[in-house]
Protein backbone atom coordinates (compact mmCIF):
# COMPACT_ATOMS: atom_id res chain seq x y z
CA MET A 1 237.56 100.06 137.57
CA LEU A 2 236.52 97.26 139.51
CA ASP A 3 233.42 95.40 139.96
CA ALA A 4 232.07 95.74 143.48
CA PHE A 5 231.11 92.03 143.61
CA VAL A 6 233.65 89.53 142.74
CA SER A 7 233.35 85.73 143.23
CA GLU A 8 235.70 83.41 144.58
CA GLY A 9 238.05 82.05 142.03
CA GLU A 10 237.72 84.49 139.48
CA LYS A 11 240.18 87.45 138.00
CA VAL A 12 240.21 90.47 139.42
CA THR A 13 241.64 93.47 137.00
CA VAL A 14 242.01 97.18 138.26
CA GLU A 15 242.14 99.79 135.34
CA GLY A 16 242.31 103.06 135.48
CA TRP A 17 244.98 106.64 134.37
CA LEU A 18 247.59 107.57 135.46
CA THR A 19 248.01 111.48 134.45
CA PHE A 20 249.31 115.30 136.27
CA TYR A 21 248.28 118.67 136.03
CA ASP A 22 250.07 120.72 133.61
CA GLU A 23 250.47 124.33 135.20
CA LYS A 24 252.02 125.38 132.31
CA GLU A 25 249.72 124.29 130.21
CA MET A 26 246.35 124.74 132.95
CA THR A 27 245.35 120.68 131.05
CA TRP A 28 245.94 117.19 132.87
CA LYS A 29 248.04 114.81 131.07
CA PRO A 30 248.92 111.05 130.55
CA LEU A 31 252.03 110.01 133.27
CA ASP A 32 253.91 106.75 132.77
CA GLY A 33 255.03 105.40 135.50
CA LEU A 34 255.67 102.54 137.90
CA LEU A 35 252.44 101.65 140.21
CA THR A 36 253.11 99.48 143.14
CA PHE A 37 249.48 97.48 143.92
CA TYR A 38 248.61 96.34 147.88
CA LEU A 39 245.92 94.46 148.84
CA ASN A 40 245.05 94.70 152.57
CA GLY A 41 248.20 96.36 152.95
CA ARG A 42 250.51 93.07 151.26
CA GLU A 43 252.22 94.28 148.15
CA ILE A 44 250.63 92.08 145.63
CA GLY A 45 252.98 93.78 142.50
CA LYS A 46 253.50 95.72 140.38
CA ALA A 47 251.39 97.61 136.71
CA LYS A 48 253.84 99.99 134.22
CA ALA A 49 251.28 102.73 133.23
CA GLN A 50 252.00 103.29 129.20
CA TYR A 51 250.52 106.69 127.79
CA GLY A 52 248.47 106.86 131.16
CA LEU A 53 247.39 104.26 130.65
CA PHE A 54 247.29 100.63 133.38
CA SER A 55 245.69 97.31 133.99
CA PHE A 56 246.86 94.45 136.66
CA THR A 57 244.69 91.66 137.38
CA PHE A 58 245.23 89.39 140.49
CA PRO A 59 243.20 86.34 141.86
CA SER A 60 240.57 87.10 143.66
CA PRO A 61 241.27 86.72 147.45
CA SER A 62 239.16 84.95 149.87
CA VAL A 63 235.72 85.85 151.00
CA GLY A 64 234.84 88.70 152.60
CA LYS A 65 236.10 92.61 152.07
CA HIS A 66 238.81 94.39 151.08
CA LYS A 67 240.88 97.57 150.34
CA ILE A 68 243.26 96.92 147.48
CA GLU A 69 246.02 100.96 147.19
CA ILE A 70 247.93 101.64 144.80
CA LYS A 71 250.31 104.03 145.02
CA PHE A 72 252.84 106.09 142.42
CA LYS A 73 255.95 107.00 143.46
CA GLU A 74 258.69 108.87 140.29
CA GLU A 75 261.34 110.91 140.13
CA GLY A 76 260.37 114.58 139.63
CA TYR A 77 256.27 113.52 140.40
CA GLU A 78 254.17 114.18 144.05
CA SER A 79 254.12 110.17 145.12
CA SER A 80 250.15 109.48 145.40
CA TYR A 81 248.01 106.93 145.98
CA LYS A 82 244.43 105.88 145.50
CA SER A 83 242.17 103.20 147.70
CA LEU A 84 239.51 100.65 146.56
CA PHE A 85 237.09 98.26 148.34
CA PHE A 86 235.69 95.72 147.34
CA GLU A 87 234.23 92.31 147.89
CA VAL A 88 234.38 88.20 147.25
CA VAL A 89 231.60 86.99 147.55
CA GLU A 90 230.80 82.75 147.45
CA LYS A 91 229.70 82.20 143.63
CA ARG A 92 226.43 81.21 144.46
CA LYS A 93 226.08 84.98 145.67
CA LYS A 94 227.52 86.43 143.35
CA GLU A 95 224.74 84.32 140.65
CA ARG A 96 221.68 84.82 143.30
CA ILE A 97 222.81 89.12 142.40
CA SER A 98 222.60 88.34 139.11
CA ARG A 99 219.92 86.92 139.25
CA VAL A 100 217.95 89.16 140.84
CA ALA A 101 219.62 92.21 138.86
CA ARG A 102 218.24 90.64 135.65
CA LEU A 103 214.72 90.18 136.97
CA ILE A 104 214.33 93.51 137.77
CA PHE A 105 215.64 94.63 134.85
CA LEU A 106 213.28 93.11 132.89
CA LEU A 107 210.91 93.74 135.62
CA ILE A 108 211.33 97.69 134.40
CA LEU A 109 211.29 96.10 130.38
CA PHE A 110 207.74 94.52 130.81
CA LEU A 111 206.56 98.21 132.54
CA CYS A 112 208.13 100.38 129.63
CA PHE A 113 205.69 98.34 127.15
CA VAL A 114 202.96 98.30 129.02
CA LEU A 115 203.75 102.14 129.55
CA PHE A 116 203.41 102.62 126.23
CA LEU A 117 201.35 100.04 124.73
CA SER A 118 198.51 102.35 127.56
CA ILE A 119 199.23 105.34 125.85
CA PHE A 120 198.93 104.02 122.44
CA LEU A 121 196.03 102.15 123.04
CA SER A 122 194.28 105.40 124.72
CA LYS A 123 195.02 108.14 121.76
CA LEU A 124 193.55 105.71 119.17
CA PHE A 125 190.45 105.32 121.26
CA LEU A 126 190.73 108.77 121.76
CA ARG A 127 190.36 109.57 118.29
CA SER A 128 187.28 106.80 117.23
């Protein structure tokens, strides 16, 4: 999981599950192992998955679009990787996006209130 808009100076945390498919039991199972993290093609660290769960935190890179890759390679398992894209924005831009999202949420809440109020009033006056 990764916030689509990270602002400069923030910490970035990537969390997820590492699983494998057990063909005998026909189910997905958690997998322990070492994951390697790459930012724009450069290794930035490692994290160990325990009971399938992993978490890795790193400082946000420069403003712009970035690619993080998570690679898994353990003996006895097929190696795999996952790529995620995210954007680092200026703090002011993230604050503007947050304000717009809050305004949209409040507008939706207000419209729901008006809708319920109009339904209530119409039923009240229709009974009279």
